[in-house]
Protein backbone atom coordinates (compact mmCIF):
# COMPACT_ATOMS: atom_id res chain seq x y z
CA MET A 1 -37.69 14.05 42.83
CA THR A 2 -39.59 17.09 41.57
CA SER A 3 -42.65 18.82 42.93
CA PHE A 4 -45.04 21.67 42.22
CA THR A 5 -46.27 23.92 45.00
CA LYS A 6 -48.79 26.71 44.76
CA PRO A 7 -48.45 29.84 46.93
CA ILE A 8 -51.32 30.57 49.29
CA ARG A 9 -53.69 33.21 47.94
CA SER A 10 -53.54 36.29 50.14
CA ASP A 11 -53.24 40.04 49.99
CA GLU A 12 -49.50 39.65 50.33
CA ARG A 13 -48.97 37.93 46.97
CA ILE A 14 -48.56 39.85 43.75
CA MET A 15 -49.04 36.82 41.54
CA THR A 16 -49.90 33.18 42.14
CA SER A 17 -48.49 30.50 39.85
CA ALA A 18 -46.82 27.13 39.93
CA ILE A 19 -43.39 27.14 41.53
CA PHE A 20 -41.09 24.39 40.34
CA SER A 21 -38.41 23.17 42.71
CA ASP A 22 -35.82 20.46 42.22
CA ALA A 23 -32.68 22.36 43.20
CA GLU A 24 -31.96 20.10 46.17
CA ALA A 25 -31.88 17.04 43.93
CA ARG A 26 -29.45 18.52 41.42
CA VAL A 27 -25.85 17.32 41.59
CA ARG A 28 -23.78 20.33 42.58
CA ARG A 29 -20.17 21.09 41.83
CA LYS A 30 -17.85 20.30 44.70
CA LYS A 31 -15.77 23.21 45.95
CA THR A 32 -12.07 22.64 45.46
CA GLY A 33 -11.06 24.43 48.65
CA GLU A 34 -8.04 25.76 46.76
CA SER A 35 -7.07 29.36 46.14
CA ILE A 36 -4.46 31.33 44.24
CA HIS A 37 -2.60 34.48 45.23
CA GLU A 38 -3.04 37.57 43.05
CA ALA A 39 -0.16 40.00 43.13
CA ALA A 40 -0.80 43.68 43.85
CA ARG A 41 -0.92 45.88 40.77
CA ASP A 42 -1.62 49.42 39.63
CA THR A 43 -5.06 49.90 38.07
CA PRO A 44 -5.51 52.68 35.49
CA VAL A 45 -8.21 55.24 36.24
CA TYR A 46 -10.87 55.38 33.54
CA GLY A 47 -12.35 58.61 34.83
CA SER A 48 -13.80 60.60 37.71
CA CYS A 49 -17.30 61.95 38.32
CA ASP A 50 -19.68 63.31 40.90
CA VAL A 51 -22.06 60.37 40.76
CA LEU A 52 -21.28 56.86 39.53
CA VAL A 53 -24.30 54.63 38.89
CA VAL A 54 -23.51 50.90 38.79
CA GLY A 55 -26.19 49.09 36.80
CA GLY A 56 -28.43 50.38 34.02
CA GLY A 57 -31.69 48.65 34.86
CA PRO A 58 -34.87 50.62 35.60
CA SER A 59 -33.51 52.02 38.87
CA GLY A 60 -30.05 52.76 37.48
CA THR A 61 -31.41 54.50 34.39
CA ALA A 62 -33.68 56.65 36.55
CA ALA A 63 -30.85 57.38 38.97
CA ALA A 64 -28.48 58.53 36.23
CA ILE A 65 -31.04 60.88 34.67
CA ALA A 66 -32.17 62.28 38.04
CA ALA A 67 -28.58 62.92 39.16
CA ALA A 68 -27.77 64.68 35.89
CA ARG A 69 -30.90 66.82 36.26
CA GLY A 70 -29.56 67.74 39.69
CA GLY A 71 -26.44 69.19 38.10
CA ALA A 72 -24.08 66.29 38.76
CA GLU A 73 -21.47 64.88 36.39
CA VAL A 74 -22.61 61.26 35.98
CA ILE A 75 -21.12 58.00 34.70
CA LEU A 76 -23.43 55.01 34.18
CA LEU A 77 -21.76 51.59 34.16
CA GLU A 78 -23.69 48.71 32.56
CA ARG A 79 -22.52 45.15 31.94
CA TYR A 80 -24.85 44.47 28.97
CA ASN A 81 -25.20 46.37 25.69
CA HIS A 82 -28.49 48.04 26.63
CA LEU A 83 -30.37 49.84 29.37
CA GLY A 84 -33.62 48.83 31.02
CA GLY A 85 -32.48 45.67 32.79
CA LEU A 86 -35.27 43.16 33.30
CA SER A 87 -37.83 45.49 31.67
CA THR A 88 -35.95 45.10 28.37
CA GLY A 89 -33.21 42.45 28.42
CA GLY A 90 -35.22 40.32 30.83
CA LEU A 91 -38.39 40.62 28.69
CA VAL A 92 -40.45 41.65 31.72
CA ILE A 93 -42.43 43.76 29.30
CA TRP A 94 -45.54 43.55 31.46
CA ILE A 95 -45.03 46.68 33.57
CA ASP A 96 -46.75 46.21 36.91
CA ARG A 97 -49.43 48.54 38.27
CA MET A 98 -48.56 52.23 38.26
CA SER A 99 -52.05 53.40 39.30
CA ASP A 100 -53.69 52.87 42.67
CA TRP A 101 -57.04 51.19 43.30
CA ASP A 102 -58.91 54.44 42.66
CA GLY A 103 -57.27 54.90 39.27
CA ASN A 104 -54.84 57.62 40.35
CA LEU A 105 -51.36 57.53 38.82
CA VAL A 106 -48.97 57.36 41.78
CA ILE A 107 -45.86 56.01 40.00
CA ARG A 108 -44.94 59.23 38.31
CA GLY A 109 -41.69 61.06 37.60
CA LEU A 110 -39.31 59.31 35.22
CA GLY A 111 -41.41 56.14 35.01
CA GLU A 112 -44.36 58.15 33.71
CA GLU A 113 -42.09 60.16 31.44
CA LEU A 114 -40.49 57.09 29.87
CA LEU A 115 -43.83 55.51 29.01
CA SER A 116 -45.24 58.79 27.69
CA ARG A 117 -42.30 59.19 25.31
CA LEU A 118 -42.58 55.72 23.79
CA PRO A 119 -44.21 55.58 20.33
CA ALA A 120 -47.93 54.83 20.45
CA ASP A 121 -47.44 51.42 18.83
CA ALA A 122 -44.89 50.44 21.51
CA VAL A 123 -47.32 50.58 24.46
CA ALA A 124 -50.51 48.58 24.98
CA GLY A 125 -52.87 49.22 27.87
CA PRO A 126 -56.19 50.78 28.91
CA ALA A 127 -57.00 54.40 28.18
CA ARG A 128 -56.70 56.88 31.03
CA GLU A 129 -60.47 57.12 31.50
CA GLU A 130 -60.62 53.37 32.25
CA TRP A 131 -58.15 53.39 35.15
CA GLY A 132 -60.00 52.48 38.32
CA SER A 133 -63.04 51.13 36.46
CA ARG A 134 -64.99 48.32 38.13
CA ASP A 135 -67.22 47.67 35.13
CA ALA A 136 -67.40 43.87 34.79
CA ALA A 137 -67.03 43.85 31.01
CA ARG A 138 -63.99 46.16 31.02
CA VAL A 139 -62.41 44.24 33.89
CA GLU A 140 -62.89 40.95 32.02
CA TYR A 141 -61.37 42.43 28.87
CA TRP A 142 -58.28 43.88 30.57
CA GLN A 143 -57.81 40.94 32.91
CA GLN A 144 -56.94 38.87 29.85
CA ARG A 145 -54.45 41.61 28.89
CA THR A 146 -52.62 41.96 32.24
CA SER A 147 -54.17 45.33 33.14
CA ALA A 148 -57.00 44.42 35.52
CA HIS A 149 -56.38 43.17 39.04
CA ARG A 150 -58.75 42.30 41.87
CA GLY A 151 -61.74 43.45 39.87
CA ILE A 152 -60.29 46.86 38.93
CA VAL A 153 -58.79 48.15 35.67
CA THR A 154 -55.28 49.50 36.33
CA TRP A 155 -52.49 51.13 34.36
CA ALA A 156 -50.19 48.13 33.89
CA PRO A 157 -49.16 48.32 30.22
CA THR A 158 -47.06 46.01 28.09
CA ILE A 159 -44.22 47.61 26.12
CA ASP A 160 -41.89 46.99 23.19
CA PRO A 161 -38.54 46.19 24.87
CA GLU A 162 -36.41 47.40 21.96
CA ARG A 163 -38.15 50.77 21.96
CA LEU A 164 -37.61 51.11 25.70
CA LYS A 165 -33.93 50.20 25.30
CA LEU A 166 -33.48 52.95 22.72
CA LEU A 167 -35.49 55.56 24.60
CA SER A 168 -33.66 54.87 27.88
CA GLN A 169 -30.33 55.27 26.12
CA GLU A 170 -31.40 58.46 24.37
CA MET A 171 -32.69 60.05 27.58
CA VAL A 172 -29.51 59.17 29.46
CA GLN A 173 -27.33 60.67 26.76
CA GLU A 174 -29.59 63.71 26.32
CA HIS A 175 -28.69 64.59 29.91
CA GLY A 176 -24.95 64.34 29.32
CA VAL A 177 -24.44 61.10 31.22
CA ARG A 178 -21.31 59.20 30.17
CA LEU A 179 -22.59 55.75 29.30
CA VAL A 180 -20.23 52.77 29.57
CA TYR A 181 -21.57 49.48 28.19
CA HIS A 182 -19.87 46.05 28.44
CA ALA A 183 -18.38 46.94 31.83
CA TRP A 184 -18.81 44.71 34.88
CA ALA A 185 -18.25 46.37 38.26
CA ALA A 186 -15.91 44.16 40.28
CA ASP A 187 -15.06 45.90 43.56
CA PRO A 188 -15.72 49.14 45.40
CA ILE A 189 -12.83 51.51 46.04
CA MET A 190 -12.68 52.09 49.79
CA ALA A 191 -11.04 54.80 51.91
CA ASP A 192 -11.75 55.72 55.53
CA GLY A 193 -14.76 53.41 55.67
CA ALA A 194 -16.47 55.05 52.70
CA VAL A 195 -16.96 54.08 49.06
CA LYS A 196 -14.91 56.34 46.77
CA GLY A 197 -15.52 54.68 43.43
CA VAL A 198 -15.52 51.32 41.70
CA VAL A 199 -13.10 49.03 39.90
CA PHE A 200 -14.58 47.42 36.80
CA GLU A 201 -13.59 44.80 34.24
CA SER A 202 -14.07 44.99 30.48
CA LYS A 203 -12.41 43.83 27.29
CA GLY A 204 -9.93 46.62 27.96
CA GLY A 205 -8.91 45.03 31.25
CA ARG A 206 -9.27 46.24 34.81
CA GLN A 207 -9.92 49.98 35.30
CA ALA A 208 -11.18 52.30 38.02
CA ILE A 209 -13.67 55.15 38.31
CA ARG A 210 -13.49 57.66 41.16
CA ALA A 211 -16.75 59.19 42.38
CA LYS A 212 -18.04 61.41 45.16
CA VAL A 213 -21.13 59.19 45.48
CA VAL A 214 -21.70 55.66 44.17
CA ILE A 215 -25.22 54.36 43.53
CA ASP A 216 -25.53 50.58 43.71
CA ALA A 217 -28.24 49.73 41.18
CA THR A 218 -27.01 46.19 40.49
CA GLY A 219 -30.21 44.63 41.85
CA ASP A 220 -28.15 42.18 43.89
CA GLY A 221 -26.33 44.64 46.13
CA ASP A 222 -22.98 43.65 44.65
CA MET A 223 -21.23 46.88 45.57
CA PHE A 224 -22.61 47.44 49.06
CA ALA A 225 -22.06 43.77 49.96
CA ARG A 226 -18.44 43.84 48.80
CA ALA A 227 -17.96 47.12 50.67
CA GLY A 228 -18.98 45.38 53.89
CA ALA A 229 -22.46 46.85 54.35
CA ALA A 230 -24.99 44.79 56.29
CA PHE A 231 -27.68 43.01 54.28
CA GLU A 232 -30.46 40.43 54.63
CA SER A 233 -31.21 37.46 52.37
CA ASP A 234 -34.10 35.61 54.06
CA ILE A 235 -37.00 34.46 51.88
CA GLU A 236 -40.55 33.19 52.18
CA LYS A 237 -40.40 29.77 50.52
CA ASP A 238 -44.01 29.69 49.28
CA ASP A 239 -43.75 33.07 47.57
CA ILE A 240 -42.67 33.65 44.00
CA HIS A 241 -40.37 36.53 44.92
CA HIS A 242 -37.23 34.39 45.25
CA CYS A 243 -37.73 32.26 42.10
CA MET A 244 -35.69 32.61 38.91
CA ASN A 245 -36.83 32.28 35.31
CA THR A 246 -35.88 33.09 31.74
CA ALA A 247 -38.64 34.69 29.67
CA TRP A 248 -39.12 34.32 25.92
CA LEU A 249 -41.18 35.61 22.99
CA PHE A 250 -43.01 33.68 20.25
CA GLY A 251 -44.01 35.40 17.02
CA GLY A 252 -46.54 34.45 14.35
CA VAL A 253 -49.36 34.01 16.86
CA ASP A 254 -52.93 35.30 17.14
CA MET A 255 -53.38 36.29 20.78
CA GLU A 256 -56.98 37.45 20.30
CA ARG A 257 -57.86 33.97 19.11
CA TRP A 258 -55.99 32.44 22.07
CA ILE A 259 -57.85 34.72 24.52
CA ARG A 260 -61.21 33.69 23.05
CA PHE A 261 -60.25 30.03 23.50
CA ARG A 262 -59.15 30.58 27.08
CA SER A 263 -62.23 32.57 28.12
CA GLU A 264 -64.95 30.81 26.08
CA ALA A 265 -63.80 27.18 26.23
CA GLN A 266 -62.66 26.88 29.82
CA GLU A 267 -63.04 23.11 30.06
CA GLN A 268 -60.91 22.59 26.96
CA TYR A 269 -58.42 25.15 28.27
CA GLN A 270 -58.02 23.21 31.53
CA GLN A 271 -57.51 19.99 29.56
CA PHE A 272 -54.92 21.78 27.43
CA MET A 273 -53.00 22.92 30.53
CA MET A 274 -53.09 19.42 32.05
CA LEU A 275 -51.76 17.88 28.85
CA GLY A 276 -49.06 20.53 28.66
CA ARG A 277 -47.85 19.68 32.15
CA GLU A 278 -47.78 15.99 31.24
CA ARG A 279 -45.79 16.57 28.04
CA CYS A 280 -43.47 19.42 29.10
CA GLY A 281 -43.24 19.11 32.88
CA LEU A 282 -42.60 22.77 33.64
CA PHE A 283 -45.41 24.35 31.66
CA GLU A 284 -46.39 27.98 31.13
CA ARG A 285 -49.31 29.90 29.67
CA PRO A 286 -48.73 32.89 27.39
CA PHE A 287 -49.36 36.55 28.18
CA VAL A 288 -50.19 39.33 25.76
CA SER A 289 -47.46 41.68 24.58
CA TRP A 290 -47.58 45.08 22.89
CA ARG A 291 -48.63 43.32 19.63
CA ASN A 292 -51.29 40.74 18.85
CA ASP A 293 -48.83 38.59 16.87
CA ILE A 294 -46.23 38.28 19.66
CA ALA A 295 -46.78 36.22 22.80
CA LEU A 296 -44.87 36.60 26.05
CA PHE A 297 -43.92 33.59 28.16
CA MET A 298 -42.44 34.51 31.52
CA GLY A 299 -40.80 31.08 31.74
CA PRO A 300 -41.24 28.51 34.53
CA ARG A 301 -40.51 29.97 37.96
CA GLN A 302 -37.77 27.81 39.46
CA ALA A 303 -37.19 27.80 43.22
CA GLY A 304 -34.21 26.78 45.33
CA TYR A 305 -31.56 28.40 43.13
CA SER A 306 -29.30 31.34 43.93
CA GLY A 307 -28.87 34.36 41.69
CA LEU A 308 -25.35 34.66 43.13
CA ASP A 309 -24.24 31.16 42.11
CA VAL A 310 -22.80 30.85 38.60
CA ASP A 311 -23.73 27.17 38.35
CA ASP A 312 -27.34 27.83 39.40
CA LEU A 313 -27.65 30.67 36.89
CA THR A 314 -26.28 28.44 34.15
CA HIS A 315 -28.60 25.57 35.06
CA VAL A 316 -31.78 27.71 35.06
CA ASP A 317 -30.91 29.35 31.74
CA ALA A 318 -29.94 26.10 30.02
CA ARG A 319 -33.13 24.37 31.15
CA SER A 320 -35.24 27.37 30.10
CA HIS A 321 -33.82 27.30 26.58
CA ARG A 322 -34.84 23.65 26.24
CA LEU A 323 -38.28 24.41 27.65
CA MET A 324 -38.74 27.20 25.12
CA ALA A 325 -38.34 24.66 22.29
CA ALA A 326 -40.64 22.15 24.03
CA HIS A 327 -43.33 24.81 24.48
CA LEU A 328 -43.10 25.83 20.84
CA ALA A 329 -43.69 22.26 19.63
CA PHE A 330 -46.60 21.72 22.01
CA TYR A 331 -48.31 25.05 21.34
CA ARG A 332 -48.01 24.63 17.57
CA GLN A 333 -49.77 21.30 17.80
CA HIS A 334 -52.43 22.04 20.42
CA ALA A 335 -53.02 25.79 21.00
CA PRO A 336 -55.51 27.85 18.94
CA GLY A 337 -53.69 30.83 17.48
CA PHE A 338 -50.25 29.23 17.71
CA GLU A 339 -50.25 27.02 14.59
CA GLY A 340 -47.65 29.19 12.85
CA ALA A 341 -45.72 30.27 15.94
CA TYR A 342 -41.94 30.65 15.86
CA MET A 343 -39.19 31.60 18.29
CA VAL A 344 -38.35 35.30 18.42
CA LEU A 345 -36.07 35.70 21.42
CA SER A 346 -35.14 34.18 24.76
CA ALA A 347 -34.29 36.86 27.30
CA PRO A 348 -30.60 37.85 27.30
CA GLN A 349 -30.95 38.54 31.03
CA ILE A 350 -32.11 35.91 33.48
CA GLY A 351 -35.05 36.86 35.70
CA VAL A 352 -33.60 37.06 39.21
CA ARG A 353 -36.08 38.44 41.71
CA HIS A 354 -34.14 38.40 44.97
CA THR A 355 -30.67 37.87 46.36
CA ARG A 356 -29.74 40.52 48.95
CA ARG A 357 -31.61 43.36 50.68
CA LEU A 358 -29.80 46.31 52.25
CA VAL A 359 -29.96 46.93 55.99
CA GLY A 360 -30.70 50.63 55.86
CA VAL A 361 -31.19 53.62 58.11
CA GLY A 362 -34.90 53.07 57.41
CA ARG A 363 -36.85 49.97 56.43
CA MET A 364 -40.12 49.25 54.66
CA GLU A 365 -42.16 46.70 56.62
CA ARG A 366 -45.42 44.80 56.38
CA SER A 367 -46.62 46.43 59.62
CA GLN A 368 -46.60 49.82 57.88
CA TRP A 369 -49.07 48.84 55.15
CA PRO A 370 -52.39 49.41 56.97
CA GLY A 371 -51.52 52.94 58.10
CA GLY A 372 -50.74 54.41 54.69
CA ILE A 373 -48.97 57.28 56.46
CA ALA A 374 -46.70 59.59 54.47
CA LEU A 375 -43.37 59.11 56.22
CA PRO A 376 -41.32 62.24 56.99
CA ASP A 377 -38.63 61.19 54.50
CA GLU A 378 -41.03 59.99 51.79
CA VAL A 379 -39.39 59.93 48.34
CA GLY A 380 -42.08 57.98 46.48
CA VAL A 381 -45.51 56.40 46.73
CA SER A 382 -46.31 52.82 45.73
CA PRO A 383 -49.70 51.23 45.05
CA SER A 384 -50.57 48.62 47.67
CA LEU A 385 -51.11 44.94 46.98
CA SER A 386 -54.89 45.09 47.42
CA GLN A 387 -57.81 47.35 48.24
CA ALA A 388 -57.37 46.31 51.87
CA PHE A 389 -54.42 48.70 52.15
CA PRO A 390 -53.90 52.37 51.24
CA ASN A 391 -50.96 53.57 49.16
CA ILE A 392 -47.56 52.89 50.73
CA SER A 393 -44.86 55.41 51.55
CA VAL A 394 -41.32 54.81 50.27
CA PRO A 395 -38.76 56.37 52.69
CA TYR A 396 -35.35 57.77 51.80
CA GLY A 397 -33.84 55.85 54.71
CA ALA A 398 -34.47 52.58 52.87
CA LEU A 399 -31.80 53.61 50.34
CA VAL A 400 -29.12 54.62 52.87
CA PRO A 401 -26.84 51.96 54.42
CA VAL A 402 -27.01 51.89 58.20
CA GLN A 403 -23.24 52.48 58.46
CA LEU A 404 -21.46 52.60 55.08
CA ASP A 405 -20.82 56.09 53.64
CA GLY A 406 -20.39 57.23 50.04
CA LEU A 407 -23.07 54.93 48.69
CA LEU A 408 -26.82 54.74 48.07
CA ALA A 409 -28.76 51.61 47.06
CA CYS A 410 -31.84 51.62 44.84
CA GLY A 411 -33.96 49.05 43.06
CA ARG A 412 -34.94 45.62 44.25
CA HIS A 413 -32.25 45.41 46.96
CA LEU A 414 -33.49 48.35 49.05
CA SER A 415 -34.04 47.98 52.78
CA CYS A 416 -37.33 46.14 53.41
CA ASP A 417 -38.81 42.98 54.81
CA VAL A 418 -39.66 39.88 52.78
CA ASN A 419 -43.34 40.74 52.24
CA THR A 420 -42.65 44.30 51.12
CA HIS A 421 -39.96 43.08 48.75
CA GLY A 422 -42.71 41.25 46.86
CA PHE A 423 -43.85 44.51 45.24
CA MET A 424 -40.90 46.88 45.77
CA ARG A 425 -38.83 44.73 43.38
CA GLU A 426 -41.21 45.56 40.52
CA ILE A 427 -40.14 47.83 37.66
CA PRO A 428 -42.27 50.91 38.52
CA GLN A 429 -41.05 50.84 42.13
CA CYS A 430 -37.47 50.59 40.85
CA TRP A 431 -38.06 53.76 38.83
CA ILE A 432 -39.20 55.46 42.05
CA THR A 433 -36.21 54.47 44.18
CA GLY A 434 -33.74 55.06 41.36
CA GLN A 435 -34.96 58.61 40.79
CA ALA A 436 -34.79 59.28 44.54
CA ALA A 437 -31.25 57.92 44.79
CA GLY A 438 -30.08 59.96 41.80
CA ALA A 439 -31.54 63.22 43.08
CA ALA A 440 -30.08 62.58 46.56
CA ALA A 441 -26.65 61.68 45.18
CA ALA A 442 -26.52 64.93 43.20
CA LEU A 443 -27.41 66.95 46.31
CA ALA A 444 -24.77 65.14 48.36
CA ALA A 445 -22.05 65.56 45.73
CA ASN A 446 -22.85 69.23 45.14
CA ALA A 447 -22.90 70.03 48.87
CA GLY A 448 -19.88 67.88 49.73
CA VAL A 449 -21.81 65.86 52.32
CA GLN A 450 -22.51 62.18 52.84
CA PRO A 451 -25.77 60.79 51.40
CA ARG A 452 -27.08 60.19 54.94
CA ASP A 453 -26.71 63.94 55.63
CA VAL A 454 -28.72 65.16 52.65
CA ASP A 455 -31.39 67.67 53.62
CA VAL A 456 -34.61 65.71 53.16
CA PRO A 457 -36.92 68.69 52.47
CA ARG A 458 -34.51 69.82 49.72
CA LEU A 459 -34.50 66.29 48.30
CA GLN A 460 -38.30 66.16 48.34
CA ALA A 461 -38.49 69.55 46.63
CA ALA A 462 -36.06 68.34 43.95
CA LEU A 463 -38.12 65.21 43.34
CA ILE A 464 -41.38 67.15 43.10
CA ALA A 465 -39.69 69.45 40.57
CA GLN A 466 -38.86 66.30 38.56
CA GLY A 467 -42.53 65.23 38.54
CA VAL A 468 -42.46 62.69 41.38
CA HIS A 469 -45.71 62.20 43.31
CA LEU A 470 -45.17 62.89 47.02
CA ARG A 471 -47.54 63.64 49.88
CA PRO A 472 -47.11 66.02 52.83
CA ALA A 473 -46.11 64.26 56.03
CA PRO A 474 -48.67 64.51 58.85
CA VAL A 475 -48.03 67.29 61.37
CA PRO A 476 -47.72 66.01 64.97
CA ALA A 477 -50.57 67.11 67.21
CA ASP A 478 -48.17 68.76 69.67
CA ALA A 479 -46.24 70.66 66.98
CA PRO A 480 -46.09 74.46 67.45
CA ALA A 481 -48.41 76.47 65.25
């Protein structure tokens, strides 16, 4: 039995779309209940460093560069053959809003730097003078191109994923980071209740890396969970933030022609979508990319599956590959601009939005949104979900485990509640928290202190020096002059 549900429209939703759920009806593999005993063994040490970053997605890439800029010797461990994570291998090439509702760029630092260094033909989005525009014509134009939201033009560009892969790699290596591809972190190395490094697996077998500070940028909290740190995993069932999907690209299309059809023939467009659902079941509309002749499909959002379950991951990917072929056949036959479409790529990385969230020294919560206060340990600023809220402060405490030492966590598994996770999992926010974690890890390693003991004003000064947008914390009324 399958069903479609639509999330309630509110200020606490980034995106509304059909959520497909049939996970409960799927026949699941029975657990054997058996186990085997693995004998103790000596594991060769691959190397040692000041800061080890586990995961080369947006947050991990930013963390590695920021730590190296802080004078640390850095190793970056990545299980795929590229950097960028979901922004490249996951084909989430629609970078979410980096400007606030007044058109001010608040996601700055390495995120801004990465986009500014991409070739001009690898980035598509509104010109700087249009950010914050409420002009109806410009909003209508950019709304069809993913860069206008709630009646305002924003800086939310689409990018060429291969260019971002290359640029991320070049920037990491420019800073002297030792990059290790095809390496899957397996377990943290523990001593005296603190993380001292990581054991990883590769084609070369099982090896270890020692580090003064480990940054968990896996997105799923793999290292802090296996080290015994507390975490949360609750979800809001009607929200998209816990769904999984596999994105894909079609080439040979004319997206300008498709946009004209969608905006000028709305009745026919609605009939097209209804027919697509009848024929394909899980049916998706295309988004623009960085080129007119390439269309982005985010892939049907599938609920009820776990990003930590190998069978669920396999099932979602296998179904998505079949759906890609079904969409191609339907769009070729029925969609203006898609007559000569062809498959370009299905995402090498599955789109997992949520698995675990750290329980940290600090926590980002929905109750904080209305205040817009710059927290004393602010390490970044995020745009809010709507004009009803001011910009939102990102605290350093959200990256620090409440008890575990030797480790920082950045990216989508930071410490926050379910509502806040809905936007803090996005790529620009991952750049923010990654850069903060990297700068903090370098300070901790250089000073020989635990990450929780890093001097926050020094960290904030280091981040500002790296181009991060921060605000002064309010001075208490009873503070001495």
